[in-house]
Amino acid sequence: MGMTMTSTAFAHHGAIPEHYTCDATDTSPPLAWAGVPVGAKSLVLIVDDPDAPDPAAPQRTWVHWLLYNLPPTSSGLAEGVTALPAGTLEGINDWKRTGYGGPCPPIGRHRYFHKLYALDVVLPNLDRPSKAALEKAMQGHILAQTELIGLYQRH
């Protein structure tokens, strides 16, 4: 069995509850994972939206959350996590800040990809990297990956 990720807040390809979006408390959803491969030294979590700004005519991928150097022994993140596991570092999202930024689509139903990667290294401190810088540092080090996709459309 490979690596898996789930959430008690929404099913894979299911609707993300408003509670986890900019329309409410903008709280990060609970995430759980299993099947991290033996030999993994760290985990990376990237949450992004490839449908920005309009799913009918996407122009960019909007980054919502970047975490790296999560311990491979961790099994998830609690809802609204404020204390990250020891050693975890954060990257910059597209609001130009660290931390979780929930779904806030201007138009249409967007897909939110929660991607988890197991790496064979602990990455150096990349000083609040962008997604591109983080992905470059990960190149050649990915042992396994999984994703959980949630959907959200504003009313």
C-alpha atoms as a PDB file:
ATOM      1  CA  MET A   1       0.000   0.000   0.000  1.00  0.00           C
ATOM      2  CA  GLY A   2       1.290   3.435  -0.880  1.00  0.00           C
ATOM      3  CA  MET A   3       1.102   6.677   1.027  1.00  0.00           C
ATOM      4  CA  THR A   4      -2.419   8.047   1.589  1.00  0.00           C
ATOM      5  CA  MET A   5      -3.923  11.290   2.904  1.00  0.00           C
ATOM      6  CA  THR A   6      -7.437  11.883   4.195  1.00  0.00           C
ATOM      7  CA  SER A   7      -9.458  14.501   6.046  1.00  0.00           C
ATOM      8  CA  THR A   8     -12.411  14.111   8.380  1.00  0.00           C
ATOM      9  CA  ALA A   9     -13.658  17.464   7.004  1.00  0.00           C
ATOM     10  CA  PHE A  10     -14.135  16.430   3.358  1.00  0.00           C
ATOM     11  CA  ALA A  11     -13.862  13.402   1.097  1.00  0.00           C
ATOM     12  CA  HIS A  12     -11.502  13.118  -1.880  1.00  0.00           C
ATOM     13  CA  HIS A  13     -13.162  15.183  -4.652  1.00  0.00           C
ATOM     14  CA  GLY A  14     -15.752  16.305  -2.082  1.00  0.00           C
ATOM     15  CA  ALA A  15     -16.837  19.781  -1.034  1.00  0.00           C
ATOM     16  CA  ILE A  16     -14.652  21.643   1.450  1.00  0.00           C
ATOM     17  CA  PRO A  17     -16.902  23.055   4.204  1.00  0.00           C
ATOM     18  CA  GLU A  18     -17.153  26.849   4.327  1.00  0.00           C
ATOM     19  CA  HIS A  19     -15.580  26.810   7.814  1.00  0.00           C
ATOM     20  CA  TYR A  20     -12.163  26.212   6.184  1.00  0.00           C
ATOM     21  CA  THR A  21     -12.449  29.117   3.719  1.00  0.00           C
ATOM     22  CA  CYS A  22     -12.137  32.898   3.591  1.00  0.00           C
ATOM     23  CA  ASP A  23     -15.935  33.041   3.842  1.00  0.00           C
ATOM     24  CA  ALA A  24     -15.753  31.895   7.478  1.00  0.00           C
ATOM     25  CA  THR A  25     -12.864  31.287   9.899  1.00  0.00           C
ATOM     26  CA  ASP A  26     -10.187  30.367   7.320  1.00  0.00           C
ATOM     27  CA  THR A  27      -9.142  27.497   9.583  1.00  0.00           C
ATOM     28  CA  SER A  28      -6.889  24.780   8.195  1.00  0.00           C
ATOM     29  CA  PRO A  29      -8.697  21.442   7.821  1.00  0.00           C
ATOM     30  CA  PRO A  30      -7.629  18.336   9.721  1.00  0.00           C
ATOM     31  CA  LEU A  31      -5.343  16.138   7.616  1.00  0.00           C
ATOM     32  CA  ALA A  32      -4.170  12.591   8.294  1.00  0.00           C
ATOM     33  CA  TRP A  33      -1.691  10.457   6.410  1.00  0.00           C
ATOM     34  CA  ALA A  34      -0.397   6.925   6.474  1.00  0.00           C
ATOM     35  CA  GLY A  35       1.986   4.693   4.563  1.00  0.00           C
ATOM     36  CA  VAL A  36       5.026   6.969   4.716  1.00  0.00           C
ATOM     37  CA  PRO A  37       7.794   4.857   3.167  1.00  0.00           C
ATOM     38  CA  VAL A  38      10.656   3.456   5.203  1.00  0.00           C
ATOM     39  CA  GLY A  39      13.675   5.630   4.571  1.00  0.00           C
ATOM     40  CA  ALA A  40      11.736   8.887   4.399  1.00  0.00           C
ATOM     41  CA  LYS A  41      13.589  11.668   6.200  1.00  0.00           C
ATOM     42  CA  SER A  42      10.978  14.435   5.863  1.00  0.00           C
ATOM     43  CA  LEU A  43       7.565  15.302   4.441  1.00  0.00           C
ATOM     44  CA  VAL A  44       6.396  18.285   2.385  1.00  0.00           C
ATOM     45  CA  LEU A  45       2.808  19.577   2.205  1.00  0.00           C
ATOM     46  CA  ILE A  46       1.752  21.819  -0.678  1.00  0.00           C
ATOM     47  CA  VAL A  47      -1.831  23.076  -0.936  1.00  0.00           C
ATOM     48  CA  ASP A  48      -2.678  24.864  -4.164  1.00  0.00           C
ATOM     49  CA  ASP A  49      -5.459  25.736  -6.607  1.00  0.00           C
ATOM     50  CA  PRO A  50      -4.705  25.240 -10.331  1.00  0.00           C
ATOM     51  CA  ASP A  51      -8.004  26.863 -11.343  1.00  0.00           C
ATOM     52  CA  ALA A  52      -7.216  30.516 -10.526  1.00  0.00           C
ATOM     53  CA  PRO A  53      -8.782  32.853 -11.161  1.00  0.00           C
ATOM     54  CA  ASP A  54     -11.569  31.179 -13.181  1.00  0.00           C
ATOM     55  CA  PRO A  55     -11.843  27.403 -13.730  1.00  0.00           C
ATOM     56  CA  ALA A  56     -13.235  28.080 -17.221  1.00  0.00           C
ATOM     57  CA  ALA A  57     -10.038  29.972 -18.110  1.00  0.00           C
ATOM     58  CA  PRO A  58      -7.319  29.208 -15.535  1.00  0.00           C
ATOM     59  CA  GLN A  59      -4.306  31.507 -15.680  1.00  0.00           C
ATOM     60  CA  ARG A  60      -2.201  30.367 -12.727  1.00  0.00           C
ATOM     61  CA  THR A  61      -1.895  28.044  -9.777  1.00  0.00           C
ATOM     62  CA  TRP A  62      -2.615  29.850  -6.500  1.00  0.00           C
ATOM     63  CA  VAL A  63      -0.566  28.592  -3.536  1.00  0.00           C
ATOM     64  CA  HIS A  64      -2.478  28.304  -0.241  1.00  0.00           C
ATOM     65  CA  TRP A  65      -0.008  26.593   2.119  1.00  0.00           C
ATOM     66  CA  LEU A  66       3.590  25.344   2.092  1.00  0.00           C
ATOM     67  CA  LEU A  67       5.110  23.225   4.850  1.00  0.00           C
ATOM     68  CA  TYR A  68       8.368  21.306   4.663  1.00  0.00           C
ATOM     69  CA  ASN A  69      10.571  19.172   6.898  1.00  0.00           C
ATOM     70  CA  LEU A  70       7.536  17.685   8.602  1.00  0.00           C
ATOM     71  CA  PRO A  71       8.815  14.660  10.529  1.00  0.00           C
ATOM     72  CA  PRO A  72       8.203  11.359   8.703  1.00  0.00           C
ATOM     73  CA  THR A  73       6.889   9.959  11.995  1.00  0.00           C
ATOM     74  CA  SER A  74       4.039  12.490  12.022  1.00  0.00           C
ATOM     75  CA  SER A  75       0.616  11.211  11.054  1.00  0.00           C
ATOM     76  CA  GLY A  76      -1.213  14.428  10.241  1.00  0.00           C
ATOM     77  CA  LEU A  77      -2.157  17.940  11.270  1.00  0.00           C
ATOM     78  CA  ALA A  78      -5.016  18.898  13.560  1.00  0.00           C
ATOM     79  CA  GLU A  79      -7.736  21.306  12.478  1.00  0.00           C
ATOM     80  CA  GLY A  80      -6.549  24.886  12.830  1.00  0.00           C
ATOM     81  CA  VAL A  81      -3.031  23.746  13.677  1.00  0.00           C
ATOM     82  CA  THR A  82      -1.019  26.492  15.376  1.00  0.00           C
ATOM     83  CA  ALA A  83       1.911  24.494  16.767  1.00  0.00           C
ATOM     84  CA  LEU A  84       3.588  22.674  13.890  1.00  0.00           C
ATOM     85  CA  PRO A  85       5.557  19.479  14.550  1.00  0.00           C
ATOM     86  CA  ALA A  86       9.150  20.048  15.704  1.00  0.00           C
ATOM     87  CA  GLY A  87      11.464  20.867  12.806  1.00  0.00           C
ATOM     88  CA  THR A  88       8.678  21.878  10.406  1.00  0.00           C
ATOM     89  CA  LEU A  89       9.401  24.988   8.335  1.00  0.00           C
ATOM     90  CA  GLU A  90       7.010  27.160   6.305  1.00  0.00           C
ATOM     91  CA  GLY A  91       7.052  28.623   2.843  1.00  0.00           C
ATOM     92  CA  ILE A  92       5.316  31.718   1.466  1.00  0.00           C
ATOM     93  CA  ASN A  93       1.822  31.375   0.017  1.00  0.00           C
ATOM     94  CA  ASP A  94       0.438  33.623  -2.705  1.00  0.00           C
ATOM     95  CA  TRP A  95      -0.830  36.107  -0.111  1.00  0.00           C
ATOM     96  CA  LYS A  96       2.902  36.673   0.537  1.00  0.00           C
ATOM     97  CA  ARG A  97       2.708  35.228   4.064  1.00  0.00           C
ATOM     98  CA  THR A  98       3.320  31.964   5.833  1.00  0.00           C
ATOM     99  CA  GLY A  99       0.525  29.805   7.165  1.00  0.00           C
ATOM    100  CA  TYR A 100      -2.720  28.478   5.785  1.00  0.00           C
ATOM    101  CA  GLY A 101      -4.893  30.576   3.508  1.00  0.00           C
ATOM    102  CA  GLY A 102      -8.183  28.878   2.745  1.00  0.00           C
ATOM    103  CA  PRO A 103     -10.186  28.674  -0.458  1.00  0.00           C
ATOM    104  CA  CYS A 104     -11.430  32.068  -1.646  1.00  0.00           C
ATOM    105  CA  PRO A 105     -12.294  31.637  -5.337  1.00  0.00           C
ATOM    106  CA  PRO A 106     -13.476  34.769  -7.173  1.00  0.00           C
ATOM    107  CA  ILE A 107     -15.631  32.760  -9.576  1.00  0.00           C
ATOM    108  CA  GLY A 108     -16.681  29.156 -10.155  1.00  0.00           C
ATOM    109  CA  ARG A 109     -15.923  25.849  -8.436  1.00  0.00           C
ATOM    110  CA  HIS A 110     -12.205  25.412  -7.820  1.00  0.00           C
ATOM    111  CA  ARG A 111     -10.129  22.324  -7.016  1.00  0.00           C
ATOM    112  CA  TYR A 112      -7.807  22.478  -4.023  1.00  0.00           C
ATOM    113  CA  PHE A 113      -4.935  19.985  -4.168  1.00  0.00           C
ATOM    114  CA  HIS A 114      -3.469  18.916  -0.822  1.00  0.00           C
ATOM    115  CA  LYS A 115      -0.226  17.223  -1.910  1.00  0.00           C
ATOM    116  CA  LEU A 116       2.036  15.300   0.443  1.00  0.00           C
ATOM    117  CA  TYR A 117       5.547  14.227  -0.527  1.00  0.00           C
ATOM    118  CA  ALA A 118       7.936  11.905   1.320  1.00  0.00           C
ATOM    119  CA  LEU A 119      11.573  12.872   0.774  1.00  0.00           C
ATOM    120  CA  ASP A 120      14.822  10.999   1.297  1.00  0.00           C
ATOM    121  CA  VAL A 121      16.415  14.119   2.857  1.00  0.00           C
ATOM    122  CA  VAL A 122      15.726  16.837   5.379  1.00  0.00           C
ATOM    123  CA  LEU A 123      15.820  20.039   3.353  1.00  0.00           C
ATOM    124  CA  PRO A 124      18.019  22.942   4.453  1.00  0.00           C
ATOM    125  CA  ASN A 125      16.321  26.057   5.792  1.00  0.00           C
ATOM    126  CA  LEU A 126      15.148  27.692   2.561  1.00  0.00           C
ATOM    127  CA  ASP A 127      14.114  30.928   4.341  1.00  0.00           C
ATOM    128  CA  ARG A 128      10.362  30.981   3.622  1.00  0.00           C
ATOM    129  CA  PRO A 129      10.591  29.635   0.055  1.00  0.00           C
ATOM    130  CA  SER A 130       8.116  30.077  -2.758  1.00  0.00           C
ATOM    131  CA  LYS A 131       6.492  26.941  -4.168  1.00  0.00           C
ATOM    132  CA  ALA A 132       8.917  27.007  -7.119  1.00  0.00           C
ATOM    133  CA  ALA A 133      11.960  27.186  -4.815  1.00  0.00           C
ATOM    134  CA  LEU A 134      10.594  24.398  -2.623  1.00  0.00           C
ATOM    135  CA  GLU A 135       9.854  22.161  -5.626  1.00  0.00           C
ATOM    136  CA  LYS A 136      13.364  22.794  -6.980  1.00  0.00           C
ATOM    137  CA  ALA A 137      14.891  21.740  -3.637  1.00  0.00           C
ATOM    138  CA  MET A 138      12.735  18.575  -3.663  1.00  0.00           C
ATOM    139  CA  GLN A 139      13.890  17.464  -7.143  1.00  0.00           C
ATOM    140  CA  GLY A 140      15.468  14.025  -7.101  1.00  0.00           C
ATOM    141  CA  HIS A 141      14.452  13.396  -3.479  1.00  0.00           C
ATOM    142  CA  ILE A 142      10.795  12.290  -3.723  1.00  0.00           C
ATOM    143  CA  LEU A 143      10.244   8.730  -2.483  1.00  0.00           C
ATOM    144  CA  ALA A 144       6.434   8.804  -2.575  1.00  0.00           C
ATOM    145  CA  GLN A 145       3.545  11.222  -2.956  1.00  0.00           C
ATOM    146  CA  THR A 146      -0.199  11.360  -2.500  1.00  0.00           C
ATOM    147  CA  GLU A 147      -2.927  13.958  -2.859  1.00  0.00           C
ATOM    148  CA  LEU A 148      -6.325  14.836  -1.508  1.00  0.00           C
ATOM    149  CA  ILE A 149      -8.487  17.088  -3.678  1.00  0.00           C
ATOM    150  CA  GLY A 150     -11.289  19.202  -2.242  1.00  0.00           C
ATOM    151  CA  LEU A 151     -13.750  21.430  -4.090  1.00  0.00           C
ATOM    152  CA  TYR A 152     -15.150  24.839  -3.149  1.00  0.00           C
ATOM    153  CA  GLN A 153     -17.456  27.366  -4.778  1.00  0.00           C
ATOM    154  CA  ARG A 154     -18.600  30.552  -3.078  1.00  0.00           C
ATOM    155  CA  HIS A 155     -22.306  31.281  -2.813  1.00  0.00           C
END
